[in-house]
């Protein structure tokens, strides 16, 4: 298959980029795909997640891309990139040029909504995005659905010019999975049935033509 490239990006720290990146990587690894997880963040959270991963789980190759060149094995099917926080300007352009699809997690807080609005405005002016060479979608992350701030976030995301593709709940399951170097797809289905259901809309978008350059 042709190499598939997915970037998880938001310049604001603490929004769950690494959680999304490692779970996307584990989703495709569990489908038997050859997956590379490239950690562009010098904090190394994705790298640490891989170090905790037991050999019994489907393999995912890690690259500490903040300190070494991004060289992929020839048989790579999926490249999932975990972007650093506080990226702007040329750094964003350099990251986006590697990606067919960008997934942007946004938290339900007034500060995060404002930051997302500014960043989305800027990224839509990015040459690759404006020329339809990279597709971008947003995910509402760590959500408690019956709260006023979530409804505000939902209204904001639905008004955007880019797809709002998934809502992921605030749950300890992601923390439990991260401690073991696994994704929610590798936990007991009875524990994560609600989470797996929420992920369907995101993986459906990633697997569709809508997430690929036109």
N, C-alpha and C. Protein backbone atom coordinates (compact mmCIF):
# COMPACT_ATOMS: atom_id res chain seq x y z
N UNK A 1 0.84 -1.20 0.00
CA UNK A 1 0.00 0.00 0.00
C UNK A 1 0.88 1.25 0.00
N UNK A 2 0.30 2.38 -0.43
CA UNK A 2 1.01 3.66 -0.39
C UNK A 2 1.14 4.11 1.05
N UNK A 3 2.28 4.73 1.37
CA UNK A 3 2.49 5.22 2.73
C UNK A 3 1.40 6.20 3.12
N UNK A 4 0.81 5.96 4.30
CA UNK A 4 -0.26 6.82 4.84
C UNK A 4 0.34 7.64 5.97
N UNK A 5 0.16 8.97 5.94
CA UNK A 5 0.81 9.84 6.93
C UNK A 5 -0.23 10.66 7.68
N UNK A 6 -0.17 10.59 9.01
CA UNK A 6 -1.16 11.25 9.89
C UNK A 6 -0.40 12.04 10.96
N UNK A 7 -0.74 13.31 11.09
CA UNK A 7 -0.11 14.20 12.08
C UNK A 7 -1.13 14.61 13.12
N UNK A 8 -0.78 14.48 14.40
CA UNK A 8 -1.63 14.97 15.49
C UNK A 8 -1.01 16.27 15.99
N UNK A 9 -1.78 17.36 15.88
CA UNK A 9 -1.20 18.70 16.03
C UNK A 9 -2.14 19.64 16.77
N UNK A 10 -1.59 20.34 17.73
CA UNK A 10 -2.23 21.49 18.37
C UNK A 10 -1.12 22.21 19.11
N UNK A 11 -0.92 23.52 18.90
CA UNK A 11 0.22 24.18 19.53
C UNK A 11 0.07 24.36 21.04
N UNK A 12 -1.12 24.10 21.57
CA UNK A 12 -1.32 24.26 23.01
C UNK A 12 -1.02 22.93 23.71
N UNK A 13 -0.20 22.98 24.73
CA UNK A 13 0.14 21.77 25.48
C UNK A 13 -1.02 21.24 26.29
N UNK A 14 -0.96 19.96 26.62
CA UNK A 14 -1.95 19.37 27.52
C UNK A 14 -3.29 19.07 26.91
N UNK A 15 -3.39 19.06 25.57
CA UNK A 15 -4.69 18.85 24.94
C UNK A 15 -4.92 17.39 24.54
N UNK A 16 -3.93 16.53 24.77
CA UNK A 16 -4.11 15.11 24.48
C UNK A 16 -3.56 14.67 23.14
N UNK A 17 -2.58 15.39 22.60
CA UNK A 17 -1.99 15.00 21.31
C UNK A 17 -1.39 13.59 21.39
N UNK A 18 -0.59 13.36 22.41
CA UNK A 18 0.07 12.05 22.51
C UNK A 18 -0.94 10.93 22.68
N UNK A 19 -1.97 11.15 23.46
CA UNK A 19 -3.02 10.14 23.64
C UNK A 19 -3.63 9.77 22.30
N UNK A 20 -3.95 10.76 21.48
CA UNK A 20 -4.52 10.47 20.17
C UNK A 20 -3.51 9.76 19.28
N UNK A 21 -2.26 10.25 19.28
CA UNK A 21 -1.25 9.67 18.39
C UNK A 21 -1.00 8.20 18.70
N UNK A 22 -0.82 7.86 19.99
CA UNK A 22 -0.50 6.47 20.33
C UNK A 22 -1.69 5.55 20.09
N UNK A 23 -2.89 6.07 20.27
CA UNK A 23 -4.07 5.23 20.03
C UNK A 23 -4.31 5.04 18.54
N UNK A 24 -4.04 6.04 17.72
CA UNK A 24 -4.13 5.86 16.27
C UNK A 24 -3.10 4.82 15.83
N UNK A 25 -1.87 4.93 16.37
CA UNK A 25 -0.82 3.97 16.01
C UNK A 25 -1.22 2.55 16.41
N UNK A 26 -1.76 2.38 17.61
CA UNK A 26 -2.12 1.03 18.06
C UNK A 26 -3.32 0.49 17.27
N UNK A 27 -4.22 1.37 16.85
CA UNK A 27 -5.36 0.94 16.03
C UNK A 27 -4.87 0.27 14.75
N UNK A 28 -3.95 0.93 14.05
CA UNK A 28 -3.47 0.36 12.78
C UNK A 28 -2.54 -0.83 13.00
N UNK A 29 -1.76 -0.81 14.07
CA UNK A 29 -0.90 -1.96 14.36
C UNK A 29 -1.75 -3.20 14.60
N UNK A 30 -2.89 -3.03 15.25
CA UNK A 30 -3.77 -4.16 15.51
C UNK A 30 -4.51 -4.63 14.27
N UNK A 31 -4.42 -3.87 13.19
CA UNK A 31 -4.97 -4.32 11.91
C UNK A 31 -3.89 -5.01 11.06
N UNK A 32 -2.74 -5.24 11.67
CA UNK A 32 -1.66 -5.92 10.97
C UNK A 32 -0.83 -5.02 10.08
N UNK A 33 -0.97 -3.71 10.25
CA UNK A 33 -0.20 -2.77 9.44
C UNK A 33 1.18 -2.52 10.06
N UNK A 34 2.13 -2.16 9.20
CA UNK A 34 3.46 -1.76 9.66
C UNK A 34 3.42 -0.28 10.01
N UNK A 35 3.55 0.03 11.31
CA UNK A 35 3.31 1.39 11.81
C UNK A 35 4.60 1.97 12.40
N UNK A 36 4.86 3.22 12.05
CA UNK A 36 5.93 3.99 12.68
C UNK A 36 5.30 5.15 13.44
N UNK A 37 5.70 5.31 14.70
CA UNK A 37 5.25 6.42 15.54
C UNK A 37 6.42 7.38 15.71
N UNK A 38 6.31 8.55 15.11
CA UNK A 38 7.40 9.54 15.15
C UNK A 38 7.08 10.59 16.20
N UNK A 39 7.94 10.70 17.20
CA UNK A 39 7.76 11.63 18.32
C UNK A 39 8.59 12.88 18.04
N UNK A 40 7.91 13.98 17.71
CA UNK A 40 8.58 15.24 17.42
C UNK A 40 8.71 16.12 18.67
N UNK A 41 8.17 15.66 19.80
CA UNK A 41 8.16 16.44 21.03
C UNK A 41 9.34 16.03 21.91
N UNK A 42 10.18 16.99 22.27
CA UNK A 42 11.38 16.68 23.06
C UNK A 42 11.03 16.14 24.45
N UNK A 43 9.78 16.28 24.90
CA UNK A 43 9.37 15.65 26.16
C UNK A 43 9.37 14.12 26.04
N UNK A 44 9.23 13.62 24.81
CA UNK A 44 9.36 12.19 24.57
C UNK A 44 8.24 11.32 25.10
N UNK A 45 7.02 11.84 25.19
CA UNK A 45 5.92 11.06 25.78
C UNK A 45 5.55 9.85 24.94
N UNK A 46 5.53 10.01 23.61
CA UNK A 46 5.23 8.86 22.74
C UNK A 46 6.34 7.81 22.83
N UNK A 47 7.57 8.29 22.91
CA UNK A 47 8.72 7.38 23.03
C UNK A 47 8.63 6.57 24.32
N UNK A 48 8.26 7.23 25.42
CA UNK A 48 8.12 6.53 26.70
C UNK A 48 6.98 5.52 26.65
N UNK A 49 5.90 5.88 25.94
CA UNK A 49 4.78 4.95 25.78
C UNK A 49 5.26 3.68 25.08
N UNK A 50 6.05 3.83 24.04
CA UNK A 50 6.58 2.67 23.33
C UNK A 50 7.50 1.83 24.20
N UNK A 51 8.28 2.48 25.06
CA UNK A 51 9.20 1.76 25.94
C UNK A 51 8.44 0.90 26.95
N UNK A 52 7.22 1.31 27.27
CA UNK A 52 6.40 0.54 28.22
C UNK A 52 5.63 -0.59 27.54
N UNK A 53 5.69 -0.64 26.22
CA UNK A 53 4.87 -1.59 25.45
C UNK A 53 5.50 -2.99 25.47
N UNK A 54 4.73 -3.98 25.88
CA UNK A 54 5.22 -5.36 25.96
C UNK A 54 5.30 -5.98 24.56
N UNK A 55 6.18 -6.95 24.40
CA UNK A 55 6.41 -7.58 23.10
C UNK A 55 5.20 -8.37 22.61
N UNK A 56 4.29 -8.73 23.50
CA UNK A 56 3.14 -9.54 23.07
C UNK A 56 2.15 -8.75 22.23
N UNK A 57 2.27 -7.40 22.25
CA UNK A 57 1.36 -6.57 21.46
C UNK A 57 1.94 -6.35 20.07
N UNK A 58 1.08 -6.04 19.08
CA UNK A 58 1.58 -5.80 17.72
C UNK A 58 2.67 -4.73 17.72
N UNK A 59 3.74 -4.97 16.98
CA UNK A 59 4.89 -4.04 17.04
C UNK A 59 4.60 -2.68 16.41
N UNK A 60 5.17 -1.65 17.01
CA UNK A 60 5.14 -0.29 16.48
C UNK A 60 6.57 0.23 16.57
N UNK A 61 7.11 0.67 15.46
CA UNK A 61 8.47 1.21 15.47
C UNK A 61 8.43 2.67 15.90
N UNK A 62 9.32 3.06 16.79
CA UNK A 62 9.38 4.45 17.25
C UNK A 62 10.58 5.19 16.70
N UNK A 63 10.38 6.47 16.40
CA UNK A 63 11.48 7.35 15.99
C UNK A 63 11.42 8.61 16.85
N UNK A 64 12.51 8.93 17.52
CA UNK A 64 12.60 10.18 18.29
C UNK A 64 12.93 11.31 17.32
N UNK A 65 11.90 11.80 16.64
CA UNK A 65 12.11 12.69 15.49
C UNK A 65 12.56 14.09 15.89
N UNK A 66 12.52 14.41 17.20
CA UNK A 66 13.01 15.73 17.62
C UNK A 66 14.54 15.77 17.62
N UNK A 67 15.17 14.58 17.57
CA UNK A 67 16.63 14.58 17.65
C UNK A 67 17.31 13.75 16.57
N UNK A 68 16.52 13.09 15.72
CA UNK A 68 17.12 12.29 14.65
C UNK A 68 16.32 12.43 13.37
N UNK A 69 16.93 12.13 12.25
CA UNK A 69 16.27 12.28 10.96
C UNK A 69 15.14 11.27 10.82
N UNK A 70 14.08 11.70 10.12
CA UNK A 70 12.91 10.85 9.94
C UNK A 70 13.14 9.89 8.77
N UNK A 71 13.74 8.74 9.07
CA UNK A 71 13.98 7.73 8.05
C UNK A 71 13.09 6.53 8.33
N UNK A 72 12.25 6.18 7.38
CA UNK A 72 11.26 5.12 7.58
C UNK A 72 11.71 3.81 6.94
N UNK A 73 11.40 2.69 7.58
CA UNK A 73 11.60 1.40 6.91
C UNK A 73 10.77 1.36 5.62
N UNK A 74 11.28 0.66 4.62
CA UNK A 74 10.61 0.66 3.31
C UNK A 74 9.23 0.05 3.35
N UNK A 75 8.99 -0.84 4.32
CA UNK A 75 7.69 -1.52 4.37
C UNK A 75 6.65 -0.78 5.21
N UNK A 76 6.94 0.47 5.59
CA UNK A 76 6.02 1.22 6.46
C UNK A 76 4.69 1.48 5.75
N UNK A 77 3.59 1.11 6.42
CA UNK A 77 2.25 1.39 5.90
C UNK A 77 1.71 2.72 6.44
N UNK A 78 1.95 2.95 7.74
CA UNK A 78 1.40 4.14 8.40
C UNK A 78 2.49 4.87 9.18
N UNK A 79 2.57 6.17 8.97
CA UNK A 79 3.41 7.05 9.78
C UNK A 79 2.50 7.93 10.60
N UNK A 80 2.56 7.80 11.92
CA UNK A 80 1.76 8.63 12.84
C UNK A 80 2.73 9.56 13.56
N UNK A 81 2.49 10.86 13.47
CA UNK A 81 3.41 11.86 14.02
C UNK A 81 2.78 12.60 15.19
N UNK A 82 3.50 12.62 16.30
CA UNK A 82 3.08 13.33 17.52
C UNK A 82 3.84 14.65 17.56
N UNK A 83 3.13 15.75 17.30
CA UNK A 83 3.78 17.06 17.20
C UNK A 83 4.07 17.64 18.58
N UNK A 84 5.06 18.51 18.68
CA UNK A 84 5.32 19.19 19.96
C UNK A 84 4.31 20.31 20.20
N UNK A 85 4.24 20.78 21.43
CA UNK A 85 3.44 21.96 21.74
C UNK A 85 4.23 23.22 21.34
N UNK A 86 3.54 24.33 21.30
CA UNK A 86 4.16 25.64 21.06
C UNK A 86 4.88 25.71 19.72
N UNK A 87 4.27 25.09 18.68
CA UNK A 87 4.85 25.23 17.33
C UNK A 87 4.09 26.32 16.58
N UNK A 88 4.82 27.10 15.81
CA UNK A 88 4.21 28.19 15.04
C UNK A 88 4.99 28.38 13.74
N UNK A 89 4.38 29.08 12.82
CA UNK A 89 5.09 29.51 11.62
C UNK A 89 5.73 28.39 10.83
N UNK A 90 7.04 28.53 10.60
CA UNK A 90 7.77 27.57 9.76
C UNK A 90 7.74 26.16 10.34
N UNK A 91 7.76 26.05 11.69
CA UNK A 91 7.72 24.73 12.32
C UNK A 91 6.44 23.99 11.93
N UNK A 92 5.30 24.71 11.94
CA UNK A 92 4.04 24.10 11.54
C UNK A 92 4.09 23.68 10.08
N UNK A 93 4.61 24.57 9.23
CA UNK A 93 4.73 24.27 7.79
C UNK A 93 5.57 23.02 7.57
N UNK A 94 6.69 22.91 8.30
CA UNK A 94 7.58 21.75 8.13
C UNK A 94 6.89 20.46 8.56
N UNK A 95 6.09 20.52 9.63
CA UNK A 95 5.38 19.32 10.08
C UNK A 95 4.26 18.95 9.11
N UNK A 96 3.49 19.94 8.71
CA UNK A 96 2.32 19.68 7.85
C UNK A 96 2.73 19.10 6.50
N UNK A 97 3.90 19.48 6.01
CA UNK A 97 4.30 18.99 4.68
C UNK A 97 4.54 17.48 4.68
N UNK A 98 4.73 16.87 5.85
CA UNK A 98 4.87 15.41 5.94
C UNK A 98 3.52 14.70 5.93
N UNK A 99 2.42 15.43 6.10
CA UNK A 99 1.14 14.80 6.45
C UNK A 99 0.10 14.88 5.33
N UNK A 100 -0.58 13.76 5.12
CA UNK A 100 -1.79 13.76 4.29
C UNK A 100 -2.99 14.24 5.12
N UNK A 101 -2.99 13.86 6.40
CA UNK A 101 -4.11 14.19 7.29
C UNK A 101 -3.58 14.77 8.59
N UNK A 102 -4.27 15.80 9.09
CA UNK A 102 -3.95 16.38 10.39
C UNK A 102 -5.16 16.20 11.30
N UNK A 103 -4.93 15.65 12.50
CA UNK A 103 -5.98 15.52 13.51
C UNK A 103 -5.64 16.48 14.64
N UNK A 104 -6.60 17.33 15.00
CA UNK A 104 -6.37 18.35 16.01
C UNK A 104 -7.31 18.15 17.21
N UNK A 105 -6.77 17.72 18.36
CA UNK A 105 -7.63 17.61 19.55
C UNK A 105 -7.84 18.97 20.21
N UNK A 106 -9.08 19.20 20.67
CA UNK A 106 -9.41 20.46 21.35
C UNK A 106 -10.14 20.13 22.65
N UNK A 107 -9.70 20.73 23.74
CA UNK A 107 -10.34 20.50 25.04
C UNK A 107 -11.51 21.45 25.26
N UNK A 108 -12.50 21.02 26.05
CA UNK A 108 -13.64 21.89 26.33
C UNK A 108 -13.34 22.88 27.46
N UNK A 109 -12.55 23.90 27.15
CA UNK A 109 -12.32 24.99 28.09
C UNK A 109 -12.26 26.28 27.29
N UNK A 110 -12.67 27.42 27.87
CA UNK A 110 -12.64 28.69 27.13
C UNK A 110 -11.26 29.02 26.59
N UNK A 111 -10.21 28.76 27.37
CA UNK A 111 -8.84 29.06 26.91
C UNK A 111 -8.49 28.21 25.69
N UNK A 112 -8.82 26.92 25.75
CA UNK A 112 -8.50 26.03 24.63
C UNK A 112 -9.32 26.37 23.38
N UNK A 113 -10.56 26.75 23.57
CA UNK A 113 -11.40 27.11 22.42
C UNK A 113 -10.84 28.35 21.72
N UNK A 114 -10.43 29.35 22.51
CA UNK A 114 -9.85 30.56 21.90
C UNK A 114 -8.54 30.23 21.18
N UNK A 115 -7.69 29.43 21.83
CA UNK A 115 -6.42 29.05 21.20
C UNK A 115 -6.66 28.28 19.91
N UNK A 116 -7.64 27.38 19.93
CA UNK A 116 -7.96 26.60 18.74
C UNK A 116 -8.45 27.49 17.61
N UNK A 117 -9.27 28.47 17.94
CA UNK A 117 -9.80 29.37 16.91
C UNK A 117 -8.67 30.10 16.19
N UNK A 118 -7.70 30.60 16.95
CA UNK A 118 -6.56 31.31 16.35
C UNK A 118 -5.73 30.36 15.49
N UNK A 119 -5.46 29.17 16.03
CA UNK A 119 -4.60 28.24 15.31
C UNK A 119 -5.26 27.73 14.03
N UNK A 120 -6.55 27.43 14.11
CA UNK A 120 -7.26 26.95 12.92
C UNK A 120 -7.26 28.02 11.83
N UNK A 121 -7.44 29.26 12.23
CA UNK A 121 -7.37 30.37 11.26
C UNK A 121 -6.01 30.38 10.58
N UNK A 122 -4.94 30.21 11.37
CA UNK A 122 -3.58 30.24 10.81
C UNK A 122 -3.31 29.03 9.91
N UNK A 123 -3.75 27.84 10.34
CA UNK A 123 -3.41 26.64 9.57
C UNK A 123 -4.19 26.57 8.26
N UNK A 124 -5.37 27.19 8.23
CA UNK A 124 -6.13 27.21 6.98
C UNK A 124 -5.45 28.09 5.93
N UNK A 125 -4.54 28.96 6.38
CA UNK A 125 -3.77 29.78 5.46
C UNK A 125 -2.50 29.07 5.01
N UNK A 126 -2.17 27.94 5.67
CA UNK A 126 -0.99 27.17 5.30
C UNK A 126 -1.12 26.71 3.85
N UNK A 127 -0.04 26.81 3.09
CA UNK A 127 -0.10 26.52 1.68
C UNK A 127 -0.65 25.15 1.34
N UNK A 128 -0.18 24.11 2.02
CA UNK A 128 -0.63 22.75 1.72
C UNK A 128 -2.11 22.58 2.02
N UNK A 129 -2.57 23.15 3.15
CA UNK A 129 -3.98 23.03 3.52
C UNK A 129 -4.84 23.80 2.54
N UNK A 130 -4.43 25.04 2.23
CA UNK A 130 -5.24 25.86 1.32
C UNK A 130 -5.28 25.28 -0.09
N UNK A 131 -4.22 24.54 -0.47
CA UNK A 131 -4.21 23.92 -1.81
C UNK A 131 -4.79 22.51 -1.79
N UNK A 132 -5.37 22.11 -0.67
CA UNK A 132 -6.03 20.81 -0.55
C UNK A 132 -5.05 19.64 -0.63
N UNK A 133 -3.78 19.88 -0.27
CA UNK A 133 -2.80 18.81 -0.26
C UNK A 133 -2.70 18.13 1.11
N UNK A 134 -3.27 18.74 2.13
CA UNK A 134 -3.36 18.15 3.46
C UNK A 134 -4.76 18.41 3.99
N UNK A 135 -5.40 17.37 4.53
CA UNK A 135 -6.74 17.52 5.10
C UNK A 135 -6.63 17.62 6.62
N UNK A 136 -7.49 18.44 7.21
CA UNK A 136 -7.46 18.64 8.67
C UNK A 136 -8.85 18.39 9.25
N UNK A 137 -8.89 17.77 10.43
CA UNK A 137 -10.14 17.55 11.16
C UNK A 137 -9.90 17.78 12.64
N UNK A 138 -10.97 18.09 13.37
CA UNK A 138 -10.85 18.32 14.81
C UNK A 138 -11.59 17.25 15.60
N UNK A 139 -11.08 17.02 16.81
CA UNK A 139 -11.65 16.05 17.74
C UNK A 139 -11.85 16.75 19.08
N UNK A 140 -13.05 16.67 19.62
CA UNK A 140 -13.30 17.17 20.98
C UNK A 140 -12.76 16.12 21.95
N UNK A 141 -11.83 16.51 22.81
CA UNK A 141 -11.12 15.54 23.64
C UNK A 141 -11.40 15.77 25.13
N UNK A 142 -11.35 14.68 25.91
CA UNK A 142 -11.58 14.72 27.38
C UNK A 142 -12.88 15.43 27.72
N UNK A 143 -13.93 14.96 27.12
CA UNK A 143 -15.22 15.64 27.21
C UNK A 143 -16.10 15.02 28.29
N UNK A 144 -16.76 15.89 29.05
CA UNK A 144 -17.89 15.48 29.90
C UNK A 144 -19.13 16.08 29.25
N UNK A 145 -19.94 15.21 28.65
CA UNK A 145 -20.90 15.68 27.66
C UNK A 145 -22.00 16.58 28.20
N UNK A 146 -22.48 16.36 29.42
CA UNK A 146 -23.57 17.21 29.89
C UNK A 146 -23.05 18.40 30.70
N UNK A 147 -22.11 19.13 30.11
CA UNK A 147 -21.60 20.34 30.73
C UNK A 147 -21.78 21.51 29.77
N UNK A 148 -21.91 22.71 30.34
CA UNK A 148 -22.12 23.90 29.50
C UNK A 148 -20.94 24.15 28.58
N UNK A 149 -19.72 23.94 29.10
CA UNK A 149 -18.54 24.25 28.28
C UNK A 149 -18.42 23.26 27.11
N UNK A 150 -18.87 22.02 27.30
CA UNK A 150 -18.84 21.10 26.17
C UNK A 150 -19.80 21.56 25.08
N UNK A 151 -20.98 22.01 25.47
CA UNK A 151 -21.94 22.48 24.47
C UNK A 151 -21.40 23.70 23.73
N UNK A 152 -20.67 24.54 24.46
CA UNK A 152 -20.03 25.69 23.81
C UNK A 152 -18.98 25.22 22.80
N UNK A 153 -18.16 24.22 23.20
CA UNK A 153 -17.15 23.67 22.30
C UNK A 153 -17.81 23.04 21.08
N UNK A 154 -18.88 22.30 21.31
CA UNK A 154 -19.58 21.63 20.22
C UNK A 154 -20.10 22.65 19.20
N UNK A 155 -20.67 23.73 19.69
CA UNK A 155 -21.18 24.78 18.78
C UNK A 155 -20.03 25.40 17.99
N UNK A 156 -18.91 25.65 18.69
CA UNK A 156 -17.74 26.24 18.03
C UNK A 156 -17.21 25.32 16.93
N UNK A 157 -17.06 24.03 17.23
CA UNK A 157 -16.48 23.10 16.26
C UNK A 157 -17.40 22.90 15.05
N UNK A 158 -18.70 22.93 15.28
CA UNK A 158 -19.65 22.74 14.18
C UNK A 158 -19.68 23.94 13.24
N UNK A 159 -19.22 25.10 13.71
CA UNK A 159 -19.21 26.29 12.86
C UNK A 159 -17.95 26.38 11.99
N UNK A 160 -16.99 25.52 12.24
CA UNK A 160 -15.71 25.61 11.54
C UNK A 160 -15.83 25.18 10.08
N UNK A 161 -14.83 25.58 9.30
CA UNK A 161 -14.77 25.20 7.89
C UNK A 161 -14.16 23.81 7.71
N UNK A 162 -13.77 23.17 8.78
CA UNK A 162 -13.13 21.85 8.70
C UNK A 162 -13.98 20.83 9.47
N UNK A 163 -13.85 19.54 9.15
CA UNK A 163 -14.71 18.53 9.77
C UNK A 163 -14.46 18.38 11.28
N UNK A 164 -15.55 18.25 12.01
CA UNK A 164 -15.53 17.90 13.43
C UNK A 164 -15.90 16.42 13.47
N UNK A 165 -14.90 15.54 13.69
CA UNK A 165 -15.12 14.12 13.38
C UNK A 165 -15.35 13.20 14.57
N UNK A 166 -15.06 13.66 15.79
CA UNK A 166 -15.25 12.73 16.93
C UNK A 166 -15.28 13.49 18.24
N UNK A 167 -15.94 12.87 19.21
CA UNK A 167 -15.94 13.34 20.60
C UNK A 167 -15.45 12.18 21.47
N UNK A 168 -14.37 12.41 22.20
CA UNK A 168 -13.80 11.39 23.08
C UNK A 168 -14.00 11.80 24.53
N UNK A 169 -14.52 10.90 25.33
CA UNK A 169 -14.89 11.24 26.70
C UNK A 169 -13.67 11.32 27.62
N UNK A 170 -13.87 11.95 28.75
CA UNK A 170 -12.86 12.04 29.81
C UNK A 170 -12.95 10.77 30.64
N UNK A 171 -11.96 9.89 30.54
CA UNK A 171 -12.01 8.60 31.24
C UNK A 171 -10.61 8.16 31.65
N UNK A 172 -10.55 7.41 32.74
CA UNK A 172 -9.28 6.85 33.21
C UNK A 172 -8.74 5.76 32.30
N UNK A 173 -9.56 5.27 31.38
CA UNK A 173 -9.11 4.19 30.50
C UNK A 173 -7.86 4.59 29.71
N UNK A 174 -7.80 5.85 29.27
CA UNK A 174 -6.64 6.30 28.49
C UNK A 174 -5.38 6.33 29.35
N UNK A 175 -5.55 6.68 30.63
CA UNK A 175 -4.40 6.71 31.54
C UNK A 175 -3.93 5.29 31.84
N UNK A 176 -4.88 4.38 32.08
CA UNK A 176 -4.53 2.98 32.34
C UNK A 176 -3.81 2.38 31.13
N UNK A 177 -4.31 2.68 29.95
CA UNK A 177 -3.68 2.15 28.74
C UNK A 177 -2.27 2.72 28.56
N UNK A 178 -2.13 4.02 28.76
CA UNK A 178 -0.83 4.68 28.57
C UNK A 178 0.23 4.10 29.50
N UNK A 179 -0.16 3.78 30.73
CA UNK A 179 0.79 3.21 31.69
C UNK A 179 1.39 1.90 31.19
N UNK A 180 0.64 1.18 30.37
CA UNK A 180 1.07 -0.14 29.89
C UNK A 180 1.62 -0.10 28.47
N UNK A 181 1.64 1.09 27.86
CA UNK A 181 2.13 1.18 26.49
C UNK A 181 1.18 0.55 25.48
N UNK A 182 -0.11 0.64 25.76
CA UNK A 182 -1.10 0.07 24.84
C UNK A 182 -2.15 1.14 24.51
N UNK A 183 -3.00 0.83 23.54
CA UNK A 183 -4.12 1.68 23.22
C UNK A 183 -5.40 1.11 23.78
N UNK A 184 -6.48 1.88 23.72
CA UNK A 184 -7.76 1.36 24.23
C UNK A 184 -8.23 0.16 23.41
N UNK A 185 -7.75 0.05 22.17
CA UNK A 185 -8.11 -1.09 21.32
C UNK A 185 -7.52 -2.40 21.83
N UNK A 186 -6.56 -2.30 22.74
CA UNK A 186 -5.88 -3.49 23.26
C UNK A 186 -6.29 -3.81 24.69
N UNK A 187 -7.29 -3.10 25.20
CA UNK A 187 -7.82 -3.38 26.54
C UNK A 187 -9.02 -4.31 26.42
N UNK A 188 -9.45 -4.85 27.54
CA UNK A 188 -10.62 -5.74 27.54
C UNK A 188 -11.83 -4.99 26.97
N UNK A 189 -12.46 -5.52 25.92
CA UNK A 189 -13.57 -4.80 25.28
C UNK A 189 -14.68 -4.39 26.24
N UNK A 190 -14.92 -5.20 27.27
CA UNK A 190 -15.98 -4.86 28.22
C UNK A 190 -15.67 -3.58 28.99
N UNK A 191 -14.38 -3.27 29.16
CA UNK A 191 -13.97 -2.06 29.89
C UNK A 191 -14.08 -0.80 29.01
N UNK A 192 -13.90 -0.98 27.70
CA UNK A 192 -13.73 0.20 26.83
C UNK A 192 -14.76 0.26 25.72
N UNK A 193 -15.88 -0.41 25.89
CA UNK A 193 -16.88 -0.47 24.81
C UNK A 193 -17.35 0.93 24.39
N UNK A 194 -17.55 1.82 25.37
CA UNK A 194 -17.99 3.18 25.05
C UNK A 194 -16.90 3.95 24.28
N UNK A 195 -15.65 3.73 24.69
CA UNK A 195 -14.54 4.41 24.02
C UNK A 195 -14.37 3.91 22.59
N UNK A 196 -14.46 2.60 22.39
CA UNK A 196 -14.33 2.04 21.05
C UNK A 196 -15.43 2.58 20.13
N UNK A 197 -16.61 2.74 20.69
CA UNK A 197 -17.72 3.29 19.90
C UNK A 197 -17.42 4.73 19.48
N UNK A 198 -16.84 5.52 20.40
CA UNK A 198 -16.52 6.91 20.09
C UNK A 198 -15.41 7.01 19.04
N UNK A 199 -14.49 6.05 19.04
CA UNK A 199 -13.37 6.08 18.09
C UNK A 199 -13.81 5.76 16.67
N UNK A 200 -14.95 5.10 16.52
CA UNK A 200 -15.37 4.67 15.18
C UNK A 200 -15.47 5.83 14.20
N UNK A 201 -15.98 6.97 14.66
CA UNK A 201 -16.16 8.09 13.73
C UNK A 201 -14.81 8.68 13.30
N UNK A 202 -13.81 8.66 14.21
CA UNK A 202 -12.48 9.16 13.84
C UNK A 202 -11.78 8.19 12.88
N UNK A 203 -11.80 6.90 13.20
CA UNK A 203 -11.13 5.94 12.31
C UNK A 203 -11.86 5.85 10.96
N UNK A 204 -13.16 6.04 10.98
CA UNK A 204 -13.91 6.05 9.71
C UNK A 204 -13.44 7.21 8.83
N UNK A 205 -13.24 8.39 9.45
CA UNK A 205 -12.73 9.54 8.68
C UNK A 205 -11.32 9.27 8.17
N UNK A 206 -10.45 8.74 9.04
CA UNK A 206 -9.07 8.47 8.63
C UNK A 206 -9.01 7.43 7.50
N UNK A 207 -9.96 6.51 7.46
CA UNK A 207 -9.96 5.47 6.44
C UNK A 207 -10.72 5.87 5.17
N UNK A 208 -11.25 7.09 5.16
CA UNK A 208 -12.06 7.52 4.02
C UNK A 208 -11.27 8.43 3.09
N UNK A 209 -11.80 8.60 1.88
CA UNK A 209 -11.19 9.51 0.91
C UNK A 209 -11.24 10.96 1.40
N UNK A 210 -12.18 11.25 2.30
CA UNK A 210 -12.33 12.63 2.79
C UNK A 210 -11.10 13.09 3.55
N UNK A 211 -10.30 12.16 4.10
CA UNK A 211 -9.12 12.54 4.87
C UNK A 211 -7.86 12.60 4.02
N UNK A 212 -8.01 12.33 2.72
CA UNK A 212 -6.85 12.29 1.83
C UNK A 212 -6.82 13.50 0.92
N UNK A 213 -5.63 13.92 0.51
CA UNK A 213 -5.53 15.09 -0.38
C UNK A 213 -6.36 14.91 -1.65
N UNK A 214 -6.97 15.99 -2.08
CA UNK A 214 -7.80 15.92 -3.28
C UNK A 214 -7.00 16.16 -4.54
